Amino acid sequence: MCSVLKATEDYEIREIVLSGNEEQCVFLDDKSAVLLKDLIPTYDSSYLTNEQINQIELLELDKAPRVSFEVSKTKSPVATPRKIIYVGLNYQKHAIEMGIDAPTEPIVFMKSPKTMVGGFDKIVIPSNSKKTDYEVELAIIIGEHALYENSPKDALNCILSYTISQDISEREWQLKKGGQWMKGKSFPTFNPLGPCIVTRDELDGDNFKIWSKVNGAVCQDSNTNDLIFDIRFCIWYLSQFIELEPGDVVNTGTPEGVGMSRTPSGFLKPGDILESGIEGIGTIKNLVC
């Protein structure tokens, strides 16, 4: 099993299993890698930081000891996030399809870290649910502590990388039970993440395609330039009332085309194949059961 981080234009960081132990590493090719613990003596296998990524980019990887492996399955590139924070109704056209005025400030909620699964793991529909929905999102991985950031421009420096997230939502619990949205968001397997994390210097988070498909049919097809609050503003805003830490995951909202907005409704059912993609990052695929 492995998880992937595209650390530079030429190398990737992943997590592999060697002799029964998970090890994070830099991939040199499809069969060989360098362990992070051999590159950074102080690395403790907890959470990657911006400082550590910068160290890796300066190393001569070809001179480091190599290990060989075989990849069997991709797992979540953030195995144990400290916090999972969501910004809701953050695409203009999604707010329109939901019949709700665009928010004047970000709508914020949280999910249990236990919802996190890999980008190719199964999504389990809760017992008696008839309204389990999909929401592809751009996810931000935090790489350094952020609290009371001075401006959105400064907040950009707190970002380690980007990845794909699925904000699976049980609409009955989210909207009909009274109270916070997290009621419909925190079921097990409700946050597939993957297939890799891409460092912020490689992507323009404010302008790339984002989409989802159910059983091969395109359901969501948009661009992050439709965000109401861009990624810099989201991180700055969150830092004004919560301390962000390395290993936190911030999801930035979903575009139009979700199941509950369709006629007839397009809620997920057992046997469905849900695909989610973001330009420059890749694709994840989940079997619904």
C-alpha atoms as a PDB file:
ATOM      1  CA  MET A   1       0.000   0.000   0.000  1.00  0.00           C
ATOM      2  CA  CYS A   2       1.206   3.505  -0.646  1.00  0.00           C
ATOM      3  CA  SER A   3       0.269   7.118  -0.485  1.00  0.00           C
ATOM      4  CA  VAL A   4       1.742   9.707  -2.783  1.00  0.00           C
ATOM      5  CA  LEU A   5       3.152  13.207  -2.508  1.00  0.00           C
ATOM      6  CA  LYS A   6       4.519  14.867  -5.612  1.00  0.00           C
ATOM      7  CA  ALA A   7       7.324  16.716  -3.893  1.00  0.00           C
ATOM      8  CA  THR A   8       8.997  18.330  -6.881  1.00  0.00           C
ATOM      9  CA  GLU A   9       8.617  18.332 -10.634  1.00  0.00           C
ATOM     10  CA  ASP A  10      10.873  15.283 -10.870  1.00  0.00           C
ATOM     11  CA  TYR A  11      10.161  13.213  -7.746  1.00  0.00           C
ATOM     12  CA  GLU A  12       7.244  11.930  -5.710  1.00  0.00           C
ATOM     13  CA  ILE A  13       6.919  11.120  -2.023  1.00  0.00           C
ATOM     14  CA  ARG A  14       4.838   8.094  -1.112  1.00  0.00           C
ATOM     15  CA  GLU A  15       4.252   5.732   1.769  1.00  0.00           C
ATOM     16  CA  ILE A  16       5.111   2.056   1.272  1.00  0.00           C
ATOM     17  CA  VAL A  17       5.120  -1.122   3.358  1.00  0.00           C
ATOM     18  CA  LEU A  18       8.490  -2.760   3.981  1.00  0.00           C
ATOM     19  CA  SER A  19       8.644  -5.884   6.165  1.00  0.00           C
ATOM     20  CA  GLY A  20       5.197  -5.060   7.517  1.00  0.00           C
ATOM     21  CA  ASN A  21       6.030  -1.460   8.427  1.00  0.00           C
ATOM     22  CA  GLU A  22       4.751   1.639   6.653  1.00  0.00           C
ATOM     23  CA  GLU A  23       7.516   3.942   5.452  1.00  0.00           C
ATOM     24  CA  GLN A  24       7.272   7.338   3.778  1.00  0.00           C
ATOM     25  CA  CYS A  25       9.628   7.771   0.890  1.00  0.00           C
ATOM     26  CA  VAL A  26      10.571   9.703  -2.224  1.00  0.00           C
ATOM     27  CA  PHE A  27       9.841   7.743  -5.400  1.00  0.00           C
ATOM     28  CA  LEU A  28      12.661   7.784  -7.927  1.00  0.00           C
ATOM     29  CA  ASP A  29      10.745   5.599 -10.393  1.00  0.00           C
ATOM     30  CA  ASP A  30       7.990   2.956 -10.340  1.00  0.00           C
ATOM     31  CA  LYS A  31      10.140   0.396  -8.527  1.00  0.00           C
ATOM     32  CA  SER A  32      12.664   2.252  -6.351  1.00  0.00           C
ATOM     33  CA  ALA A  33      12.553   4.896  -3.644  1.00  0.00           C
ATOM     34  CA  VAL A  34      14.522   6.665  -0.912  1.00  0.00           C
ATOM     35  CA  LEU A  35      13.148   6.562   2.638  1.00  0.00           C
ATOM     36  CA  LEU A  36      12.524   9.930   4.250  1.00  0.00           C
ATOM     37  CA  LYS A  37      14.205   8.801   7.435  1.00  0.00           C
ATOM     38  CA  ASP A  38      17.393   8.272   5.403  1.00  0.00           C
ATOM     39  CA  LEU A  39      17.125  11.780   3.968  1.00  0.00           C
ATOM     40  CA  ILE A  40      16.041  13.759   7.040  1.00  0.00           C
ATOM     41  CA  PRO A  41      17.452  12.374  10.333  1.00  0.00           C
ATOM     42  CA  THR A  42      14.982  14.431  12.384  1.00  0.00           C
ATOM     43  CA  TYR A  43      11.894  13.185  10.514  1.00  0.00           C
ATOM     44  CA  ASP A  44       9.563  11.308  12.883  1.00  0.00           C
ATOM     45  CA  SER A  45       6.919  10.013  10.431  1.00  0.00           C
ATOM     46  CA  SER A  46       4.225  12.266  11.871  1.00  0.00           C
ATOM     47  CA  TYR A  47       3.260  15.199   9.634  1.00  0.00           C
ATOM     48  CA  LEU A  48       5.158  16.647   6.717  1.00  0.00           C
ATOM     49  CA  THR A  49       5.971  20.339   6.973  1.00  0.00           C
ATOM     50  CA  ASN A  50       7.011  23.035   4.527  1.00  0.00           C
ATOM     51  CA  GLU A  51      10.467  23.074   6.088  1.00  0.00           C
ATOM     52  CA  GLN A  52      10.913  19.343   5.466  1.00  0.00           C
ATOM     53  CA  ILE A  53       9.753  19.599   1.862  1.00  0.00           C
ATOM     54  CA  ASN A  54      12.253  22.385   1.268  1.00  0.00           C
ATOM     55  CA  GLN A  55      15.022  20.167   2.656  1.00  0.00           C
ATOM     56  CA  ILE A  56      14.086  17.340   0.309  1.00  0.00           C
ATOM     57  CA  GLU A  57      14.211  19.601  -2.735  1.00  0.00           C
ATOM     58  CA  LEU A  58      17.808  20.550  -1.877  1.00  0.00           C
ATOM     59  CA  LEU A  59      19.056  16.963  -1.426  1.00  0.00           C
ATOM     60  CA  GLU A  60      20.986  14.914  -3.935  1.00  0.00           C
ATOM     61  CA  LEU A  61      18.539  12.021  -4.065  1.00  0.00           C
ATOM     62  CA  ASP A  62      20.579   9.926  -6.468  1.00  0.00           C
ATOM     63  CA  LYS A  63      23.290   9.537  -3.803  1.00  0.00           C
ATOM     64  CA  ALA A  64      20.917   8.295  -1.079  1.00  0.00           C
ATOM     65  CA  PRO A  65      20.340   4.562  -0.373  1.00  0.00           C
ATOM     66  CA  ARG A  66      17.498   3.022  -2.369  1.00  0.00           C
ATOM     67  CA  VAL A  67      14.813   0.464  -1.537  1.00  0.00           C
ATOM     68  CA  SER A  68      12.762  -1.651  -3.939  1.00  0.00           C
ATOM     69  CA  PHE A  69       9.022  -2.297  -3.626  1.00  0.00           C
ATOM     70  CA  GLU A  70       5.794  -3.243  -5.358  1.00  0.00           C
ATOM     71  CA  VAL A  71       2.697  -1.054  -5.071  1.00  0.00           C
ATOM     72  CA  SER A  72      -0.580  -2.922  -4.498  1.00  0.00           C
ATOM     73  CA  LYS A  73      -3.001  -0.172  -3.519  1.00  0.00           C
ATOM     74  CA  THR A  74      -3.048   3.584  -3.013  1.00  0.00           C
ATOM     75  CA  LYS A  75      -4.001   4.793   0.458  1.00  0.00           C
ATOM     76  CA  SER A  76      -4.814   8.234   1.807  1.00  0.00           C
ATOM     77  CA  PRO A  77      -1.818  10.582   1.465  1.00  0.00           C
ATOM     78  CA  VAL A  78      -2.781  12.029   4.881  1.00  0.00           C
ATOM     79  CA  ALA A  79      -3.376   8.989   7.062  1.00  0.00           C
ATOM     80  CA  THR A  80      -4.144  10.711  10.368  1.00  0.00           C
ATOM     81  CA  PRO A  81      -5.150  14.347   9.878  1.00  0.00           C
ATOM     82  CA  ARG A  82      -5.230  16.479  13.003  1.00  0.00           C
ATOM     83  CA  LYS A  83      -8.351  18.294  11.820  1.00  0.00           C
ATOM     84  CA  ILE A  84     -10.611  18.205   8.743  1.00  0.00           C
ATOM     85  CA  ILE A  85     -12.161  21.622   8.122  1.00  0.00           C
ATOM     86  CA  TYR A  86     -14.687  22.414   5.399  1.00  0.00           C
ATOM     87  CA  VAL A  87     -15.782  25.625   3.710  1.00  0.00           C
ATOM     88  CA  GLY A  88     -19.370  25.164   2.511  1.00  0.00           C
ATOM     89  CA  LEU A  89     -21.294  26.743  -0.387  1.00  0.00           C
ATOM     90  CA  ASN A  90     -18.091  28.195  -1.798  1.00  0.00           C
ATOM     91  CA  TYR A  91     -18.851  27.996  -5.543  1.00  0.00           C
ATOM     92  CA  GLN A  92     -21.097  30.589  -7.144  1.00  0.00           C
ATOM     93  CA  LYS A  93     -23.027  28.156  -9.339  1.00  0.00           C
ATOM     94  CA  HIS A  94     -23.447  25.626  -6.523  1.00  0.00           C
ATOM     95  CA  ALA A  95     -25.079  28.286  -4.343  1.00  0.00           C
ATOM     96  CA  ILE A  96     -27.423  29.092  -7.237  1.00  0.00           C
ATOM     97  CA  GLU A  97     -28.430  25.456  -7.815  1.00  0.00           C
ATOM     98  CA  MET A  98     -29.148  25.084  -4.087  1.00  0.00           C
ATOM     99  CA  GLY A  99     -31.368  28.166  -4.180  1.00  0.00           C
ATOM    100  CA  ILE A 100     -29.294  29.912  -1.514  1.00  0.00           C
ATOM    101  CA  ASP A 101     -27.758  33.385  -1.624  1.00  0.00           C
ATOM    102  CA  ALA A 102     -23.962  33.358  -1.848  1.00  0.00           C
ATOM    103  CA  PRO A 103     -22.531  33.717   1.666  1.00  0.00           C
ATOM    104  CA  THR A 104     -20.957  37.024   2.695  1.00  0.00           C
ATOM    105  CA  GLU A 105     -18.463  35.162   4.897  1.00  0.00           C
ATOM    106  CA  PRO A 106     -17.248  31.554   4.620  1.00  0.00           C
ATOM    107  CA  ILE A 107     -19.541  28.857   6.033  1.00  0.00           C
ATOM    108  CA  VAL A 108     -17.315  26.584   8.126  1.00  0.00           C
ATOM    109  CA  PHE A 109     -17.869  23.112   9.582  1.00  0.00           C
ATOM    110  CA  MET A 110     -15.703  20.144  10.593  1.00  0.00           C
ATOM    111  CA  LYS A 111     -15.642  16.403  10.039  1.00  0.00           C
ATOM    112  CA  SER A 112     -14.301  13.652  12.241  1.00  0.00           C
ATOM    113  CA  PRO A 113     -10.761  12.622  11.206  1.00  0.00           C
ATOM    114  CA  LYS A 114     -12.079   9.045  11.324  1.00  0.00           C
ATOM    115  CA  THR A 115     -13.989   9.712   8.072  1.00  0.00           C
ATOM    116  CA  MET A 116     -10.709   9.727   6.121  1.00  0.00           C
ATOM    117  CA  VAL A 117     -10.102   6.820   3.735  1.00  0.00           C
ATOM    118  CA  GLY A 118      -7.971   6.318   0.643  1.00  0.00           C
ATOM    119  CA  GLY A 119      -8.865   7.557  -2.807  1.00  0.00           C
ATOM    120  CA  PHE A 120      -9.668   4.015  -3.978  1.00  0.00           C
ATOM    121  CA  ASP A 121     -11.372   2.672  -0.860  1.00  0.00           C
ATOM    122  CA  LYS A 122     -15.064   1.807  -0.610  1.00  0.00           C
ATOM    123  CA  ILE A 123     -17.708   4.348   0.389  1.00  0.00           C
ATOM    124  CA  VAL A 124     -20.251   2.762   2.736  1.00  0.00           C
ATOM    125  CA  ILE A 125     -23.803   4.133   2.627  1.00  0.00           C
ATOM    126  CA  PRO A 126     -25.194   4.437   6.176  1.00  0.00           C
ATOM    127  CA  SER A 127     -27.976   2.111   7.262  1.00  0.00           C
ATOM    128  CA  ASN A 128     -31.406   3.282   5.996  1.00  0.00           C
ATOM    129  CA  SER A 129     -29.893   6.235   4.079  1.00  0.00           C
ATOM    130  CA  LYS A 130     -31.638   7.229   0.859  1.00  0.00           C
ATOM    131  CA  LYS A 131     -29.862  10.549   0.342  1.00  0.00           C
ATOM    132  CA  THR A 132     -26.111   9.917   0.333  1.00  0.00           C
ATOM    133  CA  ASP A 133     -24.547  12.493  -1.986  1.00  0.00           C
ATOM    134  CA  TYR A 134     -21.179  13.246  -3.622  1.00  0.00           C
ATOM    135  CA  GLU A 135     -19.207  16.534  -3.537  1.00  0.00           C
ATOM    136  CA  VAL A 136     -15.777  16.663  -5.180  1.00  0.00           C
ATOM    137  CA  GLU A 137     -13.504  19.265  -3.583  1.00  0.00           C
ATOM    138  CA  LEU A 138     -10.024  20.729  -3.760  1.00  0.00           C
ATOM    139  CA  ALA A 139      -8.335  19.948  -0.445  1.00  0.00           C
ATOM    140  CA  ILE A 140      -5.478  21.961   1.051  1.00  0.00           C
ATOM    141  CA  ILE A 141      -2.880  20.312   3.280  1.00  0.00           C
ATOM    142  CA  ILE A 142      -1.403  22.674   5.869  1.00  0.00           C
ATOM    143  CA  GLY A 143       2.393  22.654   6.191  1.00  0.00           C
ATOM    144  CA  GLU A 144       3.087  25.046   9.064  1.00  0.00           C
ATOM    145  CA  HIS A 145       1.341  26.639  12.029  1.00  0.00           C
ATOM    146  CA  ALA A 146      -0.984  29.515  11.197  1.00  0.00           C
ATOM    147  CA  LEU A 147      -2.808  31.747  13.659  1.00  0.00           C
ATOM    148  CA  TYR A 148      -3.990  35.331  13.123  1.00  0.00           C
ATOM    149  CA  GLU A 149      -2.344  35.587   9.697  1.00  0.00           C
ATOM    150  CA  ASN A 150      -1.979  39.230   8.632  1.00  0.00           C
ATOM    151  CA  SER A 151      -3.402  38.882   5.128  1.00  0.00           C
ATOM    152  CA  PRO A 152      -4.577  36.310   2.560  1.00  0.00           C
ATOM    153  CA  LYS A 153      -1.262  36.741   0.753  1.00  0.00           C
ATOM    154  CA  ASP A 154       0.656  35.747   3.899  1.00  0.00           C
ATOM    155  CA  ALA A 155      -1.653  32.783   4.459  1.00  0.00           C
ATOM    156  CA  LEU A 156      -0.559  31.217   1.162  1.00  0.00           C
ATOM    157  CA  ASN A 157       2.803  30.406   2.759  1.00  0.00           C
ATOM    158  CA  CYS A 158       1.073  28.064   5.227  1.00  0.00           C
ATOM    159  CA  ILE A 159      -0.008  25.666   2.457  1.00  0.00           C
ATOM    160  CA  LEU A 160       2.043  22.504   1.954  1.00  0.00           C
ATOM    161  CA  SER A 161       0.119  20.964  -0.922  1.00  0.00           C
ATOM    162  CA  TYR A 162      -3.160  20.190  -2.676  1.00  0.00           C
ATOM    163  CA  THR A 163      -5.123  16.979  -3.202  1.00  0.00           C
ATOM    164  CA  ILE A 164      -8.594  15.658  -4.167  1.00  0.00           C
ATOM    165  CA  SER A 165     -11.274  15.160  -1.536  1.00  0.00           C
ATOM    166  CA  GLN A 166     -14.812  13.770  -1.681  1.00  0.00           C
ATOM    167  CA  ASP A 167     -17.135  15.388   0.852  1.00  0.00           C
ATOM    168  CA  ILE A 168     -19.666  12.550   1.006  1.00  0.00           C
ATOM    169  CA  SER A 169     -22.852  13.870   2.617  1.00  0.00           C
ATOM    170  CA  GLU A 170     -26.004  12.251   3.987  1.00  0.00           C
ATOM    171  CA  ARG A 171     -28.521  14.981   3.167  1.00  0.00           C
ATOM    172  CA  GLU A 172     -31.277  13.856   5.556  1.00  0.00           C
ATOM    173  CA  TRP A 173     -28.944  14.143   8.559  1.00  0.00           C
ATOM    174  CA  GLN A 174     -27.325  17.280   7.186  1.00  0.00           C
ATOM    175  CA  LEU A 175     -30.474  19.294   6.459  1.00  0.00           C
ATOM    176  CA  LYS A 176     -33.501  17.738   8.169  1.00  0.00           C
ATOM    177  CA  LYS A 177     -32.288  16.844  11.654  1.00  0.00           C
ATOM    178  CA  GLY A 178     -31.695  20.367  12.962  1.00  0.00           C
ATOM    179  CA  GLY A 179     -28.320  21.758  13.957  1.00  0.00           C
ATOM    180  CA  GLN A 180     -24.891  21.574  12.371  1.00  0.00           C
ATOM    181  CA  TRP A 181     -24.103  20.145   8.931  1.00  0.00           C
ATOM    182  CA  MET A 182     -21.502  17.820  10.443  1.00  0.00           C
ATOM    183  CA  LYS A 183     -24.357  15.445  11.401  1.00  0.00           C
ATOM    184  CA  GLY A 184     -24.584  14.402   7.772  1.00  0.00           C
ATOM    185  CA  LYS A 185     -20.850  14.530   7.120  1.00  0.00           C
ATOM    186  CA  SER A 186     -19.165  12.371   9.752  1.00  0.00           C
ATOM    187  CA  PHE A 187     -20.159   8.802   8.892  1.00  0.00           C
ATOM    188  CA  PRO A 188     -17.260   6.336   8.403  1.00  0.00           C
ATOM    189  CA  THR A 189     -15.681   6.394   4.888  1.00  0.00           C
ATOM    190  CA  PHE A 190     -17.233   9.814   4.146  1.00  0.00           C
ATOM    191  CA  ASN A 191     -13.942  11.488   3.173  1.00  0.00           C
ATOM    192  CA  PRO A 192     -11.942   9.699   0.448  1.00  0.00           C
ATOM    193  CA  LEU A 193      -8.650  11.539  -0.184  1.00  0.00           C
ATOM    194  CA  GLY A 194      -5.992  11.092  -2.856  1.00  0.00           C
ATOM    195  CA  PRO A 195      -4.433   9.942  -5.077  1.00  0.00           C
ATOM    196  CA  CYS A 196      -1.455  12.171  -4.234  1.00  0.00           C
ATOM    197  CA  ILE A 197      -0.626  15.536  -2.724  1.00  0.00           C
ATOM    198  CA  VAL A 198       0.981  18.114  -4.974  1.00  0.00           C
ATOM    199  CA  THR A 199       3.104  20.911  -3.532  1.00  0.00           C
ATOM    200  CA  ARG A 200       1.724  24.419  -3.960  1.00  0.00           C
ATOM    201  CA  ASP A 201       4.571  25.602  -6.215  1.00  0.00           C
ATOM    202  CA  GLU A 202       3.392  23.187  -8.915  1.00  0.00           C
ATOM    203  CA  LEU A 203      -0.241  24.299  -9.206  1.00  0.00           C
ATOM    204  CA  ASP A 204      -2.337  27.431  -9.448  1.00  0.00           C
ATOM    205  CA  GLY A 205      -5.074  26.566  -6.976  1.00  0.00           C
ATOM    206  CA  ASP A 206      -7.304  29.347  -8.294  1.00  0.00           C
ATOM    207  CA  ASN A 207      -7.611  28.066 -11.850  1.00  0.00           C
ATOM    208  CA  PHE A 208      -7.938  24.403 -12.719  1.00  0.00           C
ATOM    209  CA  LYS A 209     -10.677  21.989 -13.746  1.00  0.00           C
ATOM    210  CA  ILE A 210     -12.561  19.981 -11.149  1.00  0.00           C
ATOM    211  CA  TRP A 211     -15.087  17.248 -11.957  1.00  0.00           C
ATOM    212  CA  SER A 212     -16.892  14.112 -10.816  1.00  0.00           C
ATOM    213  CA  LYS A 213     -18.562  11.175 -12.569  1.00  0.00           C
ATOM    214  CA  VAL A 214     -21.040   8.550 -11.401  1.00  0.00           C
ATOM    215  CA  ASN A 215     -20.933   5.318 -13.420  1.00  0.00           C
ATOM    216  CA  GLY A 216     -19.051   7.140 -16.158  1.00  0.00           C
ATOM    217  CA  ALA A 217     -21.547  10.004 -16.546  1.00  0.00           C
ATOM    218  CA  VAL A 218     -20.193  13.497 -15.827  1.00  0.00           C
ATOM    219  CA  CYS A 219     -22.085  15.080 -12.920  1.00  0.00           C
ATOM    220  CA  GLN A 220     -19.847  17.968 -11.837  1.00  0.00           C
ATOM    221  CA  ASP A 221     -17.703  19.868 -14.330  1.00  0.00           C
ATOM    222  CA  SER A 222     -16.331  23.214 -13.184  1.00  0.00           C
ATOM    223  CA  ASN A 223     -13.209  25.226 -12.405  1.00  0.00           C
ATOM    224  CA  THR A 224     -11.771  26.574  -9.159  1.00  0.00           C
ATOM    225  CA  ASN A 225     -12.055  30.070 -10.637  1.00  0.00           C
ATOM    226  CA  ASP A 226     -15.752  29.860  -9.631  1.00  0.00           C
ATOM    227  CA  LEU A 227     -14.791  29.903  -5.930  1.00  0.00           C
ATOM    228  CA  ILE A 228     -16.517  32.638  -3.943  1.00  0.00           C
ATOM    229  CA  PHE A 229     -13.658  32.800  -1.432  1.00  0.00           C
ATOM    230  CA  ASP A 230     -10.305  31.824  -2.939  1.00  0.00           C
ATOM    231  CA  ILE A 231      -7.858  29.524  -1.192  1.00  0.00           C
ATOM    232  CA  ARG A 232      -5.745  32.353   0.228  1.00  0.00           C
ATOM    233  CA  PHE A 233      -8.775  34.002   1.794  1.00  0.00           C
ATOM    234  CA  CYS A 234     -10.050  30.704   3.212  1.00  0.00           C
ATOM    235  CA  ILE A 235      -6.784  29.966   5.023  1.00  0.00           C
ATOM    236  CA  TRP A 236      -6.467  33.545   6.288  1.00  0.00           C
ATOM    237  CA  TYR A 237     -10.088  33.534   7.482  1.00  0.00           C
ATOM    238  CA  LEU A 238      -9.766  30.223   9.315  1.00  0.00           C
ATOM    239  CA  SER A 239      -6.568  31.382  11.033  1.00  0.00           C
ATOM    240  CA  GLN A 240      -8.479  34.234  12.653  1.00  0.00           C
ATOM    241  CA  PHE A 241     -10.343  31.843  14.971  1.00  0.00           C
ATOM    242  CA  ILE A 242      -8.610  28.446  14.846  1.00  0.00           C
ATOM    243  CA  GLU A 243      -4.928  27.490  14.933  1.00  0.00           C
ATOM    244  CA  LEU A 244      -4.001  25.578  11.792  1.00  0.00           C
ATOM    245  CA  GLU A 245      -1.271  22.941  12.150  1.00  0.00           C
ATOM    246  CA  PRO A 246       0.785  20.703   9.864  1.00  0.00           C
ATOM    247  CA  GLY A 247      -1.376  17.738   8.926  1.00  0.00           C
ATOM    248  CA  ASP A 248      -4.652  19.665   8.911  1.00  0.00           C
ATOM    249  CA  VAL A 249      -6.858  19.219   5.837  1.00  0.00           C
ATOM    250  CA  VAL A 250      -8.943  22.159   4.601  1.00  0.00           C
ATOM    251  CA  ASN A 251     -11.595  21.395   1.974  1.00  0.00           C
ATOM    252  CA  THR A 252     -12.640  24.379  -0.088  1.00  0.00           C
ATOM    253  CA  GLY A 253     -16.172  23.636  -1.315  1.00  0.00           C
ATOM    254  CA  THR A 254     -17.839  21.776  -4.174  1.00  0.00           C
ATOM    255  CA  PRO A 255     -19.043  23.001  -7.583  1.00  0.00           C
ATOM    256  CA  GLU A 256     -22.528  22.609  -9.072  1.00  0.00           C
ATOM    257  CA  GLY A 257     -23.959  19.262 -10.140  1.00  0.00           C
ATOM    258  CA  VAL A 258     -24.428  17.449  -6.807  1.00  0.00           C
ATOM    259  CA  GLY A 259     -26.988  14.669  -6.609  1.00  0.00           C
ATOM    260  CA  MET A 260     -29.637  16.515  -4.613  1.00  0.00           C
ATOM    261  CA  SER A 261     -29.816  19.311  -7.201  1.00  0.00           C
ATOM    262  CA  ARG A 262     -30.560  17.002 -10.120  1.00  0.00           C
ATOM    263  CA  THR A 263     -33.985  16.074 -11.544  1.00  0.00           C
ATOM    264  CA  PRO A 264     -34.593  13.286 -10.807  1.00  0.00           C
ATOM    265  CA  SER A 265     -32.246  13.278  -7.819  1.00  0.00           C
ATOM    266  CA  GLY A 266     -28.907  11.574  -8.287  1.00  0.00           C
ATOM    267  CA  PHE A 267     -28.091  10.172  -4.859  1.00  0.00           C
ATOM    268  CA  LEU A 268     -25.556   7.371  -4.592  1.00  0.00           C
ATOM    269  CA  LYS A 269     -26.640   3.732  -4.380  1.00  0.00           C
ATOM    270  CA  PRO A 270     -24.799   0.439  -3.792  1.00  0.00           C
ATOM    271  CA  GLY A 271     -22.800  -0.625  -6.824  1.00  0.00           C
ATOM    272  CA  ASP A 272     -22.184   2.898  -8.105  1.00  0.00           C
ATOM    273  CA  ILE A 273     -18.663   3.883  -9.177  1.00  0.00           C
ATOM    274  CA  LEU A 274     -17.780   7.439  -8.152  1.00  0.00           C
ATOM    275  CA  GLU A 275     -14.839   9.112  -9.893  1.00  0.00           C
ATOM    276  CA  SER A 276     -13.415  12.481  -8.877  1.00  0.00           C
ATOM    277  CA  GLY A 277     -10.702  14.470 -10.624  1.00  0.00           C
ATOM    278  CA  ILE A 278      -8.766  17.709 -10.481  1.00  0.00           C
ATOM    279  CA  GLU A 279      -6.503  18.964 -13.251  1.00  0.00           C
ATOM    280  CA  GLY A 280      -2.834  18.583 -12.316  1.00  0.00           C
ATOM    281  CA  ILE A 281      -3.515  16.206  -9.416  1.00  0.00           C
ATOM    282  CA  GLY A 282      -5.189  13.152 -10.898  1.00  0.00           C
ATOM    283  CA  THR A 283      -8.249  10.990 -10.280  1.00  0.00           C
ATOM    284  CA  ILE A 284      -9.684   8.944  -7.440  1.00  0.00           C
ATOM    285  CA  LYS A 285     -12.304   6.207  -7.825  1.00  0.00           C
ATOM    286  CA  ASN A 286     -14.573   4.687  -5.180  1.00  0.00           C
ATOM    287  CA  LEU A 287     -17.007   1.784  -5.173  1.00  0.00           C
ATOM    288  CA  VAL A 288     -20.218   2.614  -3.293  1.00  0.00           C
ATOM    289  CA  CYS A 289     -21.584  -0.188  -1.137  1.00  0.00           C
END
